[in-house]
Amino acid sequence: MLKNILAITGKPGLYKLISRGTNMLIVESLVDGKRMPTYARDKIVSLAEVSMYTTGEDISLSEVLNAAGKKYGFKAIELDAKKADNEQLRTFFAEVLPNFDRDRVYPSDIRKFVAWYNLLIAAGFTDFTLQEDEESVATDSAPKAEQAAQKQVKPKANVKTSKSAASSVKTGVGTKRG
């Protein structure tokens, strides 16, 4: 589920991945439901790839979201993160994740966590688990998609293609069409 939820640098809120274009992604805002394209120049991060620093090994964001959900009954967190001081934020986060690294997790990270959690809950998401099935389905469908793209793109008879050029044609990244 978190694999399709994206954070885009420079844009507020979270976005749901709707579709993939040639050189862009179509995303939908979880705040207002507006759809828009994002391009390669935008830094896009899937929430499934985000983790939090702890005193031991890092913990995935899904585990932290589940811990907060269990603690607050999968309802919005009432803490006003914008007005709370740094000590209040650290005390709050220690209740959710007791072993978080106080040196590497900044108050701004905690504010962002609270905002993201509340956005996900308001959008109706309550299952924050990373499912192994999603990852295996995605890796199984990737070769099929490459085969389909390879069938659709046929190079001209007189053009020599290198291995790297052929792979860029398959994915559609970095190609110039004219």
Protein backbone atom coordinates (compact mmCIF):
# COMPACT_ATOMS: atom_id res chain seq x y z
CA MET A 1 0.00 0.00 0.00
CA LEU A 2 2.74 2.48 0.92
CA LYS A 3 4.56 1.63 -2.29
CA ASN A 4 2.08 3.76 -4.29
CA ILE A 5 2.06 6.70 -1.85
CA LEU A 6 4.65 9.30 -2.81
CA ALA A 7 6.28 12.36 -1.27
CA ILE A 8 7.45 14.94 -3.80
CA THR A 9 10.12 17.44 -2.82
CA GLY A 10 8.88 21.00 -3.08
CA LYS A 11 5.20 20.04 -3.08
CA PRO A 12 3.08 19.84 0.07
CA GLY A 13 1.30 16.71 1.18
CA LEU A 14 1.35 13.17 -0.13
CA TYR A 15 0.38 11.82 -3.53
CA LYS A 16 -1.03 8.55 -4.81
CA LEU A 17 0.53 7.08 -7.96
CA ILE A 18 -2.16 6.80 -10.64
CA SER A 19 -0.29 6.04 -13.86
CA ARG A 20 3.11 6.07 -15.50
CA GLY A 21 3.78 7.96 -18.70
CA THR A 22 6.82 7.95 -20.95
CA ASN A 23 8.82 10.55 -19.01
CA MET A 24 6.43 11.31 -16.18
CA LEU A 25 4.18 9.97 -13.47
CA ILE A 26 0.54 10.93 -13.00
CA VAL A 27 -0.18 11.46 -9.31
CA GLU A 28 -3.24 12.42 -7.31
CA SER A 29 -3.05 14.58 -4.20
CA LEU A 30 -4.37 12.95 -1.03
CA VAL A 31 -5.36 16.41 0.22
CA ASP A 32 -7.63 17.67 -2.54
CA GLY A 33 -7.77 14.84 -5.11
CA LYS A 34 -6.28 16.90 -7.95
CA ARG A 35 -4.26 15.01 -10.52
CA MET A 36 -1.04 16.32 -11.98
CA PRO A 37 2.06 15.12 -13.79
CA THR A 38 5.48 14.88 -12.16
CA TYR A 39 8.63 14.71 -14.21
CA ALA A 40 12.14 13.32 -13.86
CA ARG A 41 13.41 16.63 -12.45
CA ASP A 42 11.17 16.21 -9.36
CA LYS A 43 12.62 14.24 -6.48
CA ILE A 44 10.01 11.59 -5.72
CA VAL A 45 10.20 9.15 -2.81
CA SER A 46 7.88 6.25 -2.14
CA LEU A 47 6.86 5.94 1.53
CA ALA A 48 7.80 2.26 1.34
CA GLU A 49 11.45 3.35 1.00
CA VAL A 50 11.47 5.70 4.01
CA SER A 51 12.87 4.55 7.34
CA MET A 52 13.42 6.10 10.76
CA TYR A 53 16.68 6.17 12.69
CA THR A 54 16.78 4.19 15.93
CA THR A 55 19.51 3.35 18.40
CA GLY A 56 19.68 -0.10 16.79
CA GLU A 57 18.78 -0.86 13.19
CA ASP A 58 16.64 1.56 11.20
CA ILE A 59 12.90 0.83 11.21
CA SER A 60 10.71 1.19 8.12
CA LEU A 61 8.13 3.96 8.12
CA SER A 62 5.37 1.35 7.80
CA GLU A 63 6.26 -0.11 11.20
CA VAL A 64 6.28 3.35 12.81
CA LEU A 65 2.93 4.21 11.20
CA ASN A 66 1.46 0.92 12.45
CA ALA A 67 2.76 1.63 15.96
CA ALA A 68 1.17 5.09 15.91
CA GLY A 69 -2.04 3.63 14.49
CA LYS A 70 -2.29 1.06 17.27
CA LYS A 71 -1.54 3.68 19.91
CA TYR A 72 -4.12 6.17 18.61
CA GLY A 73 -6.71 3.68 17.35
CA PHE A 74 -6.06 4.60 13.69
CA LYS A 75 -7.49 8.06 14.31
CA ALA A 76 -5.84 11.43 13.72
CA ILE A 77 -3.15 12.53 16.17
CA GLU A 78 -4.38 15.52 18.15
CA LEU A 79 -0.91 17.00 18.68
CA ASP A 80 -0.53 20.37 16.92
CA ALA A 81 2.92 19.72 15.50
CA LYS A 82 3.32 23.25 14.17
CA LYS A 83 2.89 24.86 17.59
CA ALA A 84 4.56 22.17 19.72
CA ASP A 85 8.08 22.85 20.92
CA ASN A 86 10.95 20.44 20.31
CA GLU A 87 10.72 18.73 23.70
CA GLN A 88 6.99 18.07 23.31
CA LEU A 89 7.63 16.54 19.88
CA ARG A 90 10.38 14.28 21.22
CA THR A 91 8.20 13.19 24.15
CA PHE A 92 5.34 12.39 21.78
CA PHE A 93 7.57 10.43 19.41
CA ALA A 94 9.14 8.49 22.31
CA GLU A 95 5.66 7.16 23.08
CA VAL A 96 5.29 5.92 19.49
CA LEU A 97 8.88 4.74 18.93
CA PRO A 98 10.75 4.51 22.26
CA ASN A 99 14.18 3.71 20.79
CA PHE A 100 14.35 6.47 18.14
CA ASP A 101 17.74 8.16 17.77
CA ARG A 102 17.39 11.57 19.40
CA ASP A 103 20.50 12.87 17.65
CA ARG A 104 19.54 11.97 14.07
CA VAL A 105 15.73 12.36 14.17
CA TYR A 106 15.07 16.09 14.10
CA PRO A 107 11.90 17.84 15.28
CA SER A 108 11.12 18.68 11.64
CA ASP A 109 11.12 14.92 10.90
CA ILE A 110 8.61 14.34 13.71
CA ARG A 111 6.41 17.18 12.41
CA LYS A 112 6.49 15.61 8.94
CA PHE A 113 5.63 12.19 10.42
CA VAL A 114 2.59 13.63 12.23
CA ALA A 115 1.44 15.43 9.07
CA TRP A 116 1.89 12.33 6.91
CA TYR A 117 0.11 10.08 9.43
CA ASN A 118 -2.85 12.47 9.67
CA LEU A 119 -3.04 12.77 5.85
CA LEU A 120 -3.07 8.99 5.43
CA ILE A 121 -5.75 8.54 8.09
CA ALA A 122 -7.89 11.34 6.58
CA ALA A 123 -7.58 9.67 3.16
CA GLY A 124 -8.86 6.39 4.63
CA PHE A 125 -5.62 4.40 4.78
CA THR A 126 -5.30 2.20 7.85
CA ASP A 127 -3.19 -0.70 6.59
CA PHE A 128 0.43 0.40 6.66
CA THR A 129 2.07 -3.00 6.27
CA LEU A 130 4.61 -3.66 3.55
CA GLN A 131 3.34 -6.75 1.83
CA GLU A 132 5.81 -9.19 0.33
CA ASP A 133 3.21 -10.12 -2.30
CA GLU A 134 3.25 -6.58 -3.74
CA GLU A 135 7.01 -6.71 -4.19
CA SER A 136 7.00 -10.15 -5.82
CA VAL A 137 4.15 -9.19 -8.17
CA ALA A 138 6.03 -6.04 -9.18
CA THR A 139 9.21 -7.98 -9.97
CA ASP A 140 7.27 -10.67 -11.86
CA SER A 141 5.44 -8.12 -14.02
CA ALA A 142 8.60 -6.13 -14.86
CA PRO A 143 10.02 -8.67 -17.36
CA LYS A 144 6.61 -8.98 -19.04
CA ALA A 145 6.42 -5.19 -19.41
CA GLU A 146 9.91 -5.12 -20.91
CA GLN A 147 8.96 -7.87 -23.39
CA ALA A 148 5.85 -5.94 -24.41
CA ALA A 149 7.88 -2.74 -24.86
CA GLN A 150 10.47 -4.63 -26.88
CA LYS A 151 7.78 -5.94 -29.25
CA GLN A 152 6.34 -2.46 -29.75
CA VAL A 153 9.66 -0.70 -30.43
CA LYS A 154 11.30 -2.09 -33.55
CA PRO A 155 14.59 -0.47 -34.59
CA LYS A 156 15.14 0.45 -38.24
CA ALA A 157 16.99 -2.14 -40.31
CA ASN A 158 20.12 -0.02 -40.97
CA VAL A 159 20.53 1.32 -37.42
CA LYS A 160 23.01 -0.39 -35.11
CA THR A 161 22.00 -0.37 -31.47
CA SER A 162 24.25 -0.99 -28.54
CA LYS A 163 23.12 -2.93 -25.51
CA SER A 164 22.73 0.26 -23.41
CA ALA A 165 20.80 2.02 -26.17
CA ALA A 166 18.43 -0.94 -26.43
CA SER A 167 17.79 -0.90 -22.69
CA SER A 168 17.04 2.82 -22.72
CA VAL A 169 14.53 2.24 -25.53
CA LYS A 170 12.83 -0.45 -23.48
CA THR A 171 12.35 1.73 -20.44
CA GLY A 172 11.67 4.96 -22.29
CA VAL A 173 14.09 6.89 -20.08
CA GLY A 174 16.60 9.18 -21.70
CA THR A 175 15.37 8.56 -25.23
CA LYS A 176 14.83 11.27 -27.79
CA ARG A 177 11.87 10.83 -30.03
CA GLY A 178 11.51 12.75 -33.19
